Protein backbone atom coordinates (compact mmCIF):
# COMPACT_ATOMS: atom_id res chain seq x y z
CA MET A 1 9.80 0.81 -65.36
CA ARG A 2 6.32 -0.16 -64.95
CA ILE A 3 3.87 2.59 -64.75
CA ARG A 4 0.28 2.81 -65.56
CA SER A 5 -0.64 5.36 -68.74
CA SER A 6 -3.66 7.86 -68.09
CA ALA A 7 -4.09 8.53 -71.51
CA THR A 8 -7.41 8.23 -73.41
CA VAL A 9 -8.45 6.14 -76.48
CA GLY A 10 -8.83 8.68 -79.33
CA PHE A 11 -10.97 8.28 -82.41
CA ALA A 12 -8.05 7.27 -84.64
CA THR A 13 -7.12 4.55 -81.97
CA VAL A 14 -10.78 3.20 -82.23
CA GLY A 15 -10.27 3.39 -85.93
CA MET A 16 -7.56 1.58 -86.18
CA LEU A 17 -8.56 -1.22 -83.59
CA LEU A 18 -11.66 -1.49 -85.91
CA LEU A 19 -9.33 -2.27 -88.85
CA LEU A 20 -7.09 -4.72 -86.84
CA GLY A 21 -10.15 -6.36 -85.17
CA ALA A 22 -11.80 -6.94 -88.77
CA GLY A 23 -10.07 -10.19 -89.01
CA CYS A 24 -10.54 -11.60 -85.55
CA SER A 25 -12.53 -14.64 -85.13
CA ALA A 26 -14.25 -15.80 -81.85
CA SER A 27 -12.24 -18.72 -81.09
CA VAL A 28 -10.52 -18.39 -77.72
CA GLY A 29 -6.95 -19.61 -76.71
CA THR A 30 -8.20 -20.85 -73.09
CA GLY A 31 -10.94 -23.04 -74.82
CA SER A 32 -13.80 -20.69 -73.37
CA ALA A 33 -16.30 -19.35 -75.10
CA ALA A 34 -16.14 -15.71 -76.49
CA PRO A 35 -16.85 -13.38 -73.77
CA GLU A 36 -20.25 -11.88 -73.33
CA VAL A 37 -21.19 -8.30 -71.89
CA GLY A 38 -20.45 -8.38 -68.11
CA ALA A 39 -17.75 -10.83 -68.33
CA ARG A 40 -14.70 -10.29 -66.09
CA VAL A 41 -11.52 -9.91 -68.04
CA LEU A 42 -8.02 -8.57 -68.59
CA ALA A 43 -7.47 -5.92 -70.85
CA PRO A 44 -4.39 -3.56 -71.64
CA ASP A 45 -4.42 0.01 -71.08
CA ASN A 46 -2.31 1.89 -73.31
CA GLY A 47 0.33 0.73 -71.77
CA SER A 48 2.09 -3.04 -71.12
CA VAL A 49 0.10 -3.41 -67.77
CA TRP A 50 -3.46 -5.46 -68.03
CA TRP A 51 -6.01 -4.27 -65.85
CA GLU A 52 -9.06 -6.49 -64.27
CA GLY A 53 -12.24 -4.98 -66.10
CA THR A 54 -15.50 -6.03 -67.57
CA ILE A 55 -17.08 -6.44 -71.10
CA ASP A 56 -19.36 -3.26 -71.37
CA GLN A 57 -20.42 -3.82 -74.99
CA VAL A 58 -19.54 -5.68 -77.95
CA ASP A 59 -19.63 -4.20 -81.65
CA GLY A 60 -18.55 -7.08 -84.21
CA THR A 61 -15.17 -8.00 -83.39
CA ILE A 62 -14.56 -4.79 -80.91
CA TYR A 63 -15.26 -5.30 -77.26
CA THR A 64 -15.46 -2.27 -74.84
CA VAL A 65 -13.77 -3.08 -71.52
CA LYS A 66 -14.65 -0.96 -68.71
CA PHE A 67 -11.58 -1.10 -66.27
CA ASN A 68 -12.59 -1.66 -62.40
CA ALA A 69 -10.07 0.66 -60.91
CA ASP A 70 -11.07 3.78 -62.65
CA ASP A 71 -14.05 3.17 -64.48
CA LYS A 72 -11.78 4.24 -67.88
CA ILE A 73 -13.36 2.57 -70.97
CA VAL A 74 -11.40 1.04 -73.83
CA ALA A 75 -11.65 -0.61 -77.20
CA ARG A 76 -10.03 -3.42 -77.91
CA PRO A 77 -10.07 -6.48 -80.25
CA LEU A 78 -10.81 -9.76 -79.05
CA THR A 79 -7.23 -10.75 -79.51
CA ASN A 80 -6.18 -8.03 -76.92
CA ILE A 81 -8.44 -9.53 -73.95
CA ALA A 82 -7.94 -12.17 -71.80
CA PRO A 83 -10.42 -14.09 -69.70
CA TYR A 84 -9.83 -13.27 -65.66
CA PRO A 85 -7.74 -16.05 -64.23
CA ALA A 86 -10.05 -18.86 -62.64
CA GLY A 87 -8.30 -21.89 -61.68
CA ALA A 88 -4.80 -23.62 -62.97
CA LEU A 89 -4.05 -23.13 -66.59
CA ALA A 90 -2.38 -25.95 -68.58
CA VAL A 91 0.61 -24.07 -70.22
CA GLU A 92 3.56 -25.66 -72.08
CA VAL A 93 7.13 -23.48 -72.29
CA GLY A 94 6.97 -21.07 -75.15
CA ASP A 95 3.09 -20.34 -74.61
CA ALA A 96 2.27 -16.64 -74.69
CA VAL A 97 0.39 -15.66 -71.54
CA VAL A 98 -0.88 -12.97 -69.29
CA GLY A 99 0.47 -13.16 -65.89
CA GLU A 100 -0.02 -11.90 -62.51
CA TRP A 101 3.67 -9.95 -61.78
CA THR A 102 2.22 -8.30 -58.63
CA SER A 103 -0.66 -8.72 -56.70
CA GLY A 104 -3.48 -7.49 -59.04
CA THR A 105 -1.00 -6.36 -61.57
CA PHE A 106 -0.91 -8.44 -65.11
CA TYR A 107 1.63 -8.39 -67.90
CA ALA A 108 1.89 -10.43 -71.06
CA GLY A 109 4.82 -12.71 -71.59
CA THR A 110 6.04 -16.15 -72.28
CA VAL A 111 6.54 -19.22 -70.48
CA ALA A 112 10.05 -19.94 -70.17
CA ALA A 113 10.19 -22.86 -67.72
CA ILE A 114 7.53 -25.09 -65.86
CA SER A 115 8.27 -26.64 -62.30
CA GLY A 116 4.95 -28.16 -60.69
CA ASN A 117 2.30 -25.46 -60.54
CA LEU A 118 4.74 -22.59 -60.94
CA ALA A 119 5.65 -21.15 -64.57
CA THR A 120 8.71 -19.09 -65.45
CA VAL A 121 7.23 -16.15 -67.35
CA ALA A 122 9.92 -13.90 -69.46
CA TRP A 123 7.92 -10.67 -69.63
CA ASP A 124 7.47 -8.82 -72.90
CA ASP A 125 8.45 -5.47 -71.66
CA GLY A 126 11.97 -6.89 -70.73
CA SER A 127 11.40 -7.06 -66.83
CA ALA A 128 13.28 -9.84 -65.27
CA PRO A 129 11.56 -13.31 -65.40
CA SER A 130 9.96 -14.39 -62.42
CA GLU A 131 7.66 -17.54 -61.18
CA VAL A 132 3.85 -17.36 -61.30
CA ALA A 133 1.39 -19.90 -60.08
CA THR A 134 -0.48 -21.32 -62.80
CA ASN A 135 -3.72 -20.30 -61.54
CA ARG A 136 -2.74 -16.72 -61.91
CA LEU A 137 -2.13 -16.65 -65.67
CA THR A 138 -4.52 -16.90 -68.62
CA LYS A 139 -4.34 -16.59 -72.40
CA THR A 140 -5.71 -14.10 -74.75
CA PHE A 141 -8.91 -14.79 -76.86
CA LYS A 142 -8.21 -15.82 -80.42
């Protein structure tokens, strides 16, 4: 079942993210530059849903994202942030993506098949695969 978590990020979580982020590089899975303050992005809350937000602050390899829906702020490494979809994305079967499951709700998954401008995405949370327009897909920064 897909439910948005309302838990806040604690100091232990932020500390762990700092450790995880220490090895991150600034290259990007989508071919874009690393995001700057104010960039429109997607990032996961404490669950499997990826929410729209903006980069609020950058501290080395840790990015602070402010979610648009509730102004909640989370700290994430670059590999847990994706640019907001902007145009059709070139994908191949097997690519890890973040895609729109329902209007405005994004989840991580893997491209299982491609037909024209539609990709069948197998969702990481185990939900039934569904077709997503390639202009509603994105890849995380690397």
